[in-house]
């Protein structure tokens, strides 16, 4: 086995939104000769198999929130155990740098590493999440997806964009095909790693209200929560609409690449991947997102012309039906949105983030990296 440059420990919360950009960086660093083990929580098993190494270290973590004092004490105790695990892991591993991608599983490794090892956090959203906010004053550098280099931490913030997975880069090579007159119309709907009940409740009923000639041309791919899957399938079957419905699609980037129109939530990874692939989108920010980060992410792509942003409280079946009918009936507009989305994408983000991590691992500061 060829000798590596050393180890860069990557840490991420156990959801797709945190792990997908971590996966992209891991592949890039591995290709550059680094060993890239992953520290995360137990939820990550379904995603971690795509990492270039099988060295997965489960770190105990919890979210210290809520008013129940017993739950709060339990969360703090769990985090304390995560700190002890992280301390042992870092002593054994001696990484050249530690990189975090948000979520509370990153707090023990990054907090423990800060001061002893070079550290980087990557913030995907336009508004910094709670875990990253907790770490931001301690780390060597902050990489920003939609985050701008401003405020008291501006000298540490490097605007890299959001890394996208190799599967997304591959999907981005598929050109957008404008819908043909009377041809099939491919609609992809998803709501985050576990789907969204709002889409399951609203979209099938919206499809039922569309003009029959347009509805008959639809091919739908829709993510739905496990408890919603069968009723959504049954409704589409009743309507005679071709539909794939599942709680999880392992090949979602490829499915997005085949879409004429996407409807989704607007987490940072989602918006970045839609833009990189270059597909027109209706973005519905999750209304209960902390700090309204999804709304800020969606606004960036809307400003670029690649998406329409619709707030959930303004949408019902009739409104969604009208949106689908308007957009799917205007191929030229869809093509223009697809082109705008692609121009807004940053496929070079992974390489730029890897450059930053290597620079920090070599002892540079974020300010020095930006000045070079």
Protein backbone atom coordinates (compact mmCIF):
# COMPACT_ATOMS: atom_id res chain seq x y z
CA UNK A 1 0.00 0.00 0.00
CA UNK A 2 1.31 3.45 -0.92
CA UNK A 3 2.25 5.69 1.98
CA UNK A 4 -0.20 8.52 2.60
CA UNK A 5 0.55 12.17 3.32
CA UNK A 6 -1.01 11.64 6.73
CA UNK A 7 -4.47 11.64 8.27
CA UNK A 8 -7.17 14.28 8.04
CA UNK A 9 -10.08 13.41 10.30
CA UNK A 10 -13.47 14.37 8.94
CA UNK A 11 -16.40 14.77 11.30
CA UNK A 12 -20.05 15.29 10.37
CA UNK A 13 -23.53 14.93 11.79
CA UNK A 14 -25.35 11.79 10.73
CA UNK A 15 -27.72 13.27 8.13
CA UNK A 16 -27.31 13.49 4.38
CA UNK A 17 -27.11 17.29 4.53
CA UNK A 18 -23.95 17.09 6.62
CA UNK A 19 -22.46 13.91 5.19
CA UNK A 20 -22.80 14.57 1.46
CA UNK A 21 -20.32 17.49 1.37
CA UNK A 22 -18.09 15.58 3.79
CA UNK A 23 -18.13 12.66 1.35
CA UNK A 24 -17.14 14.95 -1.51
CA UNK A 25 -14.16 16.32 0.41
CA UNK A 26 -13.13 12.83 1.52
CA UNK A 27 -12.92 11.59 -2.09
CA UNK A 28 -10.89 14.64 -3.13
CA UNK A 29 -8.44 14.33 -0.22
CA UNK A 30 -8.11 10.59 -0.76
CA UNK A 31 -7.21 11.23 -4.41
CA UNK A 32 -4.54 13.66 -3.20
CA UNK A 33 -2.93 10.99 -1.01
CA UNK A 34 -4.52 11.53 2.40
CA UNK A 35 -6.09 9.03 4.76
CA UNK A 36 -9.59 10.32 5.60
CA UNK A 37 -11.39 8.47 8.41
CA UNK A 38 -14.85 9.65 9.42
CA UNK A 39 -16.14 10.46 12.91
CA UNK A 40 -19.91 10.68 13.12
CA UNK A 41 -22.91 9.24 14.96
CA UNK A 42 -24.79 5.98 14.53
CA UNK A 43 -27.28 7.46 12.05
CA UNK A 44 -24.58 7.70 9.38
CA UNK A 45 -24.48 4.02 8.39
CA UNK A 46 -26.70 4.42 5.32
CA UNK A 47 -24.49 7.17 3.89
CA UNK A 48 -21.00 6.29 5.13
CA UNK A 49 -20.63 3.32 2.78
CA UNK A 50 -19.84 5.81 0.00
CA UNK A 51 -16.82 7.19 1.84
CA UNK A 52 -13.49 6.21 0.28
CA UNK A 53 -12.35 4.50 3.50
CA UNK A 54 -14.15 2.13 5.83
CA UNK A 55 -12.68 3.67 8.99
CA UNK A 56 -15.84 4.96 10.63
CA UNK A 57 -15.63 6.04 14.26
CA UNK A 58 -18.95 6.48 16.06
CA UNK A 59 -18.84 9.39 18.50
CA UNK A 60 -21.61 9.74 21.06
CA UNK A 61 -23.44 13.04 20.88
CA UNK A 62 -26.75 14.67 21.68
CA UNK A 63 -28.50 17.99 21.17
CA UNK A 64 -28.59 19.94 24.46
CA UNK A 65 -31.94 21.67 23.95
CA UNK A 66 -35.46 21.60 25.32
CA UNK A 67 -36.97 22.51 28.67
CA UNK A 68 -36.92 19.06 30.26
CA UNK A 69 -34.03 19.20 32.80
CA UNK A 70 -33.56 15.42 32.77
CA UNK A 71 -33.18 15.35 29.00
CA UNK A 72 -30.77 18.28 29.18
CA UNK A 73 -28.65 16.53 31.80
CA UNK A 74 -28.74 13.34 29.73
CA UNK A 75 -27.63 15.23 26.61
CA UNK A 76 -24.75 16.88 28.46
CA UNK A 77 -23.64 13.51 29.86
CA UNK A 78 -23.74 11.96 26.37
CA UNK A 79 -21.67 14.83 24.98
CA UNK A 80 -19.18 14.38 27.82
CA UNK A 81 -18.74 10.73 26.79
CA UNK A 82 -18.24 11.94 23.22
CA UNK A 83 -15.46 14.27 24.43
CA UNK A 84 -13.70 11.36 26.12
CA UNK A 85 -14.02 9.20 22.99
CA UNK A 86 -12.66 12.04 20.86
CA UNK A 87 -9.70 12.62 23.15
CA UNK A 88 -8.65 8.96 22.90
CA UNK A 89 -9.21 8.90 19.13
CA UNK A 90 -7.12 12.02 18.53
CA UNK A 91 -4.23 10.74 20.66
CA UNK A 92 -4.13 7.53 18.64
CA UNK A 93 -4.71 9.09 15.23
CA UNK A 94 -2.63 12.28 15.50
CA UNK A 95 -4.30 13.88 12.46
CA UNK A 96 -2.72 16.70 10.49
CA UNK A 97 -6.09 18.49 10.65
CA UNK A 98 -9.67 17.94 11.78
CA UNK A 99 -12.55 19.11 9.57
CA UNK A 100 -16.15 19.42 10.76
CA UNK A 101 -19.32 19.72 8.67
CA UNK A 102 -21.86 20.67 11.30
CA UNK A 103 -24.24 18.82 13.56
CA UNK A 104 -23.68 18.03 17.23
CA UNK A 105 -21.55 14.90 16.53
CA UNK A 106 -18.84 17.34 15.36
CA UNK A 107 -18.69 19.21 18.65
CA UNK A 108 -16.66 16.66 20.69
CA UNK A 109 -13.97 16.01 18.02
CA UNK A 110 -13.59 19.65 16.94
CA UNK A 111 -13.73 21.12 20.44
CA UNK A 112 -11.19 18.58 21.68
CA UNK A 113 -8.92 19.11 18.67
CA UNK A 114 -8.93 22.91 18.75
CA UNK A 115 -5.69 24.29 20.11
CA UNK A 116 -3.88 20.99 19.64
CA UNK A 117 -4.48 20.41 15.92
CA UNK A 118 -5.35 22.65 12.95
CA UNK A 119 -9.14 22.74 12.62
CA UNK A 120 -11.62 23.73 9.92
CA UNK A 121 -15.41 23.88 10.00
CA UNK A 122 -17.50 24.04 6.87
CA UNK A 123 -20.80 25.93 7.11
CA UNK A 124 -23.10 25.08 4.24
CA UNK A 125 -25.87 27.56 4.95
CA UNK A 126 -26.18 31.31 4.66
CA UNK A 127 -26.82 31.35 8.43
CA UNK A 128 -24.43 29.50 10.74
CA UNK A 129 -25.87 26.48 12.55
CA UNK A 130 -25.78 26.05 16.32
CA UNK A 131 -23.00 23.49 16.47
CA UNK A 132 -20.75 25.45 14.12
CA UNK A 133 -21.55 28.68 15.96
CA UNK A 134 -20.40 27.01 19.17
CA UNK A 135 -17.10 26.03 17.50
CA UNK A 136 -16.49 29.09 15.30
CA UNK A 137 -14.43 31.04 17.83
CA UNK A 138 -12.07 28.11 18.44
CA UNK A 139 -11.24 26.81 14.95
CA UNK A 140 -8.41 27.80 12.63
CA UNK A 141 -10.62 28.45 9.59
CA UNK A 142 -14.27 28.56 8.54
CA UNK A 143 -15.22 27.50 5.02
CA UNK A 144 -18.47 29.01 3.77
CA UNK A 145 -20.96 27.49 1.36
CA UNK A 146 -23.43 30.37 1.27
CA UNK A 147 -21.82 32.06 4.29
CA UNK A 148 -20.19 35.42 3.52
CA UNK A 149 -16.82 36.60 4.82
CA UNK A 150 -18.15 39.38 7.02
CA UNK A 151 -18.55 40.22 10.69
CA UNK A 152 -16.08 39.62 13.54
CA UNK A 153 -14.93 36.27 12.09
CA UNK A 154 -14.38 37.58 8.55
CA UNK A 155 -10.62 36.96 8.64
CA UNK A 156 -11.26 33.24 9.28
CA UNK A 157 -14.02 32.78 6.70
CA UNK A 158 -13.12 31.53 3.21
CA UNK A 159 -15.99 31.43 0.70
CA UNK A 160 -15.44 28.03 -0.91
CA UNK A 161 -18.99 27.10 -1.90
CA UNK A 162 -20.52 23.75 -0.99
CA UNK A 163 -18.74 20.57 -2.11
CA UNK A 164 -20.90 18.21 -4.12
CA UNK A 165 -20.53 14.44 -4.23
CA UNK A 166 -18.88 12.58 -7.12
CA UNK A 167 -22.34 11.32 -8.09
CA UNK A 168 -23.47 14.94 -8.46
CA UNK A 169 -20.42 15.84 -10.57
CA UNK A 170 -21.23 12.84 -12.77
CA UNK A 171 -24.88 13.89 -13.02
CA UNK A 172 -23.85 17.43 -13.94
CA UNK A 173 -22.44 16.06 -17.19
CA UNK A 174 -26.00 15.27 -18.35
CA UNK A 175 -27.28 18.26 -20.34
CA UNK A 176 -30.75 19.59 -19.68
CA UNK A 177 -33.22 18.37 -22.30
CA UNK A 178 -36.06 20.80 -22.91
CA UNK A 179 -39.44 19.04 -22.80
CA UNK A 180 -40.70 18.11 -26.25
CA UNK A 181 -44.19 19.08 -27.33
CA UNK A 182 -46.50 16.27 -26.17
CA UNK A 183 -43.46 14.41 -24.75
CA UNK A 184 -42.98 13.04 -21.26
CA UNK A 185 -42.60 15.50 -18.38
CA UNK A 186 -40.31 14.30 -15.59
CA UNK A 187 -40.99 15.79 -12.17
CA UNK A 188 -38.76 15.03 -9.15
CA UNK A 189 -39.98 15.87 -5.63
CA UNK A 190 -37.97 15.38 -2.45
CA UNK A 191 -37.91 16.87 1.00
CA UNK A 192 -34.62 16.14 2.68
CA UNK A 193 -33.10 12.87 3.80
CA UNK A 194 -36.40 11.62 5.25
CA UNK A 195 -38.85 13.25 2.86
CA UNK A 196 -41.55 15.76 3.84
CA UNK A 197 -45.14 15.12 4.83
CA UNK A 198 -46.19 18.40 3.23
CA UNK A 199 -45.19 17.12 -0.21
CA UNK A 200 -46.91 13.78 0.40
CA UNK A 201 -50.12 15.53 1.40
CA UNK A 202 -50.11 18.27 -1.22
CA UNK A 203 -48.42 17.15 -4.43
CA UNK A 204 -50.66 14.16 -5.35
CA UNK A 205 -53.75 16.33 -4.86
CA UNK A 206 -52.15 19.06 -6.96
CA UNK A 207 -51.49 16.55 -9.73
CA UNK A 208 -55.16 15.56 -9.59
CA UNK A 209 -56.13 19.19 -10.33
CA UNK A 210 -53.85 19.60 -13.36
CA UNK A 211 -55.30 19.54 -16.90
CA UNK A 212 -55.73 15.88 -17.96
CA UNK A 213 -53.55 16.25 -21.07
CA UNK A 214 -50.64 17.60 -18.98
CA UNK A 215 -51.18 15.12 -16.15
CA UNK A 216 -51.10 12.23 -18.62
CA UNK A 217 -47.57 13.18 -19.69
CA UNK A 218 -46.10 13.13 -16.18
CA UNK A 219 -43.44 10.77 -14.86
CA UNK A 220 -42.95 11.43 -11.15
CA UNK A 221 -40.15 10.51 -8.75
CA UNK A 222 -41.14 11.40 -5.19
CA UNK A 223 -39.49 10.89 -1.85
CA UNK A 224 -41.95 10.16 0.95
CA UNK A 225 -41.64 9.18 4.57
CA UNK A 226 -42.09 5.44 5.20
CA UNK A 227 -45.47 6.00 6.84
CA UNK A 228 -46.67 7.98 3.80
CA UNK A 229 -45.23 5.82 1.04
CA UNK A 230 -48.17 3.47 0.38
CA UNK A 231 -50.88 6.13 0.40
CA UNK A 232 -48.90 8.30 -2.01
CA UNK A 233 -48.36 5.34 -4.35
CA UNK A 234 -52.05 4.45 -4.15
CA UNK A 235 -53.13 8.00 -5.00
CA UNK A 236 -50.91 8.17 -8.07
CA UNK A 237 -52.16 4.75 -9.19
CA UNK A 238 -55.72 6.01 -8.81
CA UNK A 239 -54.85 9.00 -10.99
CA UNK A 240 -53.16 6.80 -13.58
CA UNK A 241 -49.86 8.68 -13.18
CA UNK A 242 -46.51 6.94 -13.58
CA UNK A 243 -44.68 7.39 -10.26
CA UNK A 244 -41.73 6.02 -8.30
CA UNK A 245 -42.26 6.65 -4.59
CA UNK A 246 -39.71 5.72 -1.93
CA UNK A 247 -38.37 6.96 1.42
CA UNK A 248 -34.85 7.05 0.00
CA UNK A 249 -33.23 7.10 -3.44
CA UNK A 250 -29.56 6.13 -3.46
CA UNK A 251 -29.26 7.51 -7.01
CA UNK A 252 -31.03 10.83 -6.40
CA UNK A 253 -28.43 12.91 -8.33
CA UNK A 254 -29.06 10.80 -11.44
CA UNK A 255 -32.80 11.20 -11.00
CA UNK A 256 -32.42 14.98 -10.67
CA UNK A 257 -30.35 14.96 -13.87
CA UNK A 258 -33.27 13.35 -15.72
CA UNK A 259 -35.80 15.88 -14.39
CA UNK A 260 -37.50 18.64 -16.30
CA UNK A 261 -38.51 20.27 -13.00
CA UNK A 262 -37.55 19.71 -9.35
CA UNK A 263 -39.58 20.56 -6.24
CA UNK A 264 -37.75 20.32 -2.93
CA UNK A 265 -36.82 21.79 0.39
CA UNK A 266 -33.83 24.14 0.34
CA UNK A 267 -31.14 22.80 2.61
CA UNK A 268 -27.68 23.96 1.58
CA UNK A 269 -26.64 20.63 0.04
CA UNK A 270 -29.90 20.37 -1.86
CA UNK A 271 -29.62 23.87 -3.35
CA UNK A 272 -25.94 23.34 -4.21
CA UNK A 273 -26.60 19.99 -5.91
CA UNK A 274 -29.56 21.29 -7.93
CA UNK A 275 -27.42 24.21 -9.09
CA UNK A 276 -24.41 22.03 -9.95
CA UNK A 277 -26.60 19.67 -12.00
CA UNK A 278 -28.43 22.65 -13.49
CA UNK A 279 -32.15 21.97 -13.14
CA UNK A 280 -35.06 24.39 -12.70
CA UNK A 281 -36.58 24.16 -9.25
CA UNK A 282 -39.46 25.16 -7.05
CA UNK A 283 -37.93 25.54 -3.59
CA UNK A 284 -40.12 25.33 -0.49
CA UNK A 285 -38.02 26.23 2.58
CA UNK A 286 -38.76 24.18 5.66
CA UNK A 287 -40.80 26.66 7.73
CA UNK A 288 -39.41 25.56 11.09
CA UNK A 289 -35.73 25.69 10.13
CA UNK A 290 -33.57 27.38 12.76
CA UNK A 291 -32.66 30.96 11.85
CA UNK A 292 -34.57 30.53 8.56
CA UNK A 293 -31.40 29.22 6.94
CA UNK A 294 -33.32 27.35 4.23
CA UNK A 295 -35.06 30.56 3.13
CA UNK A 296 -31.69 32.30 2.81
CA UNK A 297 -30.25 29.40 0.79
CA UNK A 298 -33.25 29.35 -1.55
CA UNK A 299 -33.09 33.11 -2.07
CA UNK A 300 -29.56 32.79 -3.48
CA UNK A 301 -30.67 30.47 -6.29
CA UNK A 302 -33.84 32.48 -6.94
CA UNK A 303 -31.77 35.65 -7.30
CA UNK A 304 -29.63 33.85 -9.88
CA UNK A 305 -32.78 32.96 -11.85
CA UNK A 306 -32.58 29.20 -11.34
CA UNK A 307 -35.51 28.71 -8.97
CA UNK A 308 -38.83 29.96 -7.68
CA UNK A 309 -39.14 30.22 -3.90
CA UNK A 310 -42.58 29.49 -2.46
CA UNK A 311 -43.27 29.59 1.25
CA UNK A 312 -45.23 26.65 2.56
CA UNK A 313 -48.00 28.72 4.12
CA UNK A 314 -48.86 30.12 0.68
CA UNK A 315 -49.17 26.70 -0.94
CA UNK A 316 -52.13 24.36 -1.15
CA UNK A 317 -53.06 21.80 -3.82
CA UNK A 318 -54.61 24.47 -6.06
CA UNK A 319 -51.55 26.73 -5.86
CA UNK A 320 -49.12 23.87 -6.54
CA UNK A 321 -51.25 22.68 -9.48
CA UNK A 322 -51.15 26.18 -10.93
CA UNK A 323 -47.35 26.34 -10.53
CA UNK A 324 -46.80 22.97 -12.19
CA UNK A 325 -49.17 23.82 -15.03
CA UNK A 326 -47.52 27.20 -15.62
CA UNK A 327 -43.93 25.96 -15.59
CA UNK A 328 -44.36 22.61 -17.33
CA UNK A 329 -46.38 24.38 -20.00
CA UNK A 330 -43.52 26.80 -20.74
CA UNK A 331 -40.47 24.79 -21.97
CA UNK A 332 -38.50 27.93 -22.85
CA UNK A 333 -38.80 29.22 -19.29
CA UNK A 334 -37.70 25.86 -17.87
CA UNK A 335 -34.65 25.87 -20.13
CA UNK A 336 -33.73 29.42 -19.09
CA UNK A 337 -34.03 28.46 -15.41
CA UNK A 338 -31.89 25.36 -15.96
CA UNK A 339 -29.16 27.45 -17.59
CA UNK A 340 -29.29 30.02 -14.77
CA UNK A 341 -29.06 27.31 -12.13
CA UNK A 342 -26.02 25.76 -13.80
CA UNK A 343 -24.25 29.15 -13.95
CA UNK A 344 -24.88 29.59 -10.21
CA UNK A 345 -23.42 26.16 -9.38
CA UNK A 346 -19.88 25.82 -8.03
CA UNK A 347 -18.50 22.45 -9.14
CA UNK A 348 -15.01 23.66 -8.18
CA UNK A 349 -16.04 23.99 -4.51
CA UNK A 350 -14.67 20.57 -3.53
CA UNK A 351 -11.21 21.31 -4.90
CA UNK A 352 -11.12 24.75 -3.29
CA UNK A 353 -12.14 23.34 0.09
CA UNK A 354 -9.46 20.64 -0.22
CA UNK A 355 -6.89 23.36 -1.02
CA UNK A 356 -7.93 25.22 2.13
CA UNK A 357 -7.77 22.09 4.31
CA UNK A 358 -4.30 21.21 3.01
CA UNK A 359 -3.13 24.77 3.65
CA UNK A 360 -4.46 24.75 7.21
CA UNK A 361 -2.93 21.30 7.78
CA UNK A 362 0.45 22.74 6.74
CA UNK A 363 0.20 25.53 9.32
CA UNK A 364 -1.22 28.39 7.26
CA UNK A 365 -3.94 30.69 8.56
CA UNK A 366 -7.18 31.39 6.72
CA UNK A 367 -6.05 34.98 6.13
CA UNK A 368 -2.80 33.78 4.56
CA UNK A 369 -4.71 31.35 2.33
CA UNK A 370 -7.01 34.13 1.09
CA UNK A 371 -4.06 36.42 0.42
CA UNK A 372 -2.07 34.01 -1.70
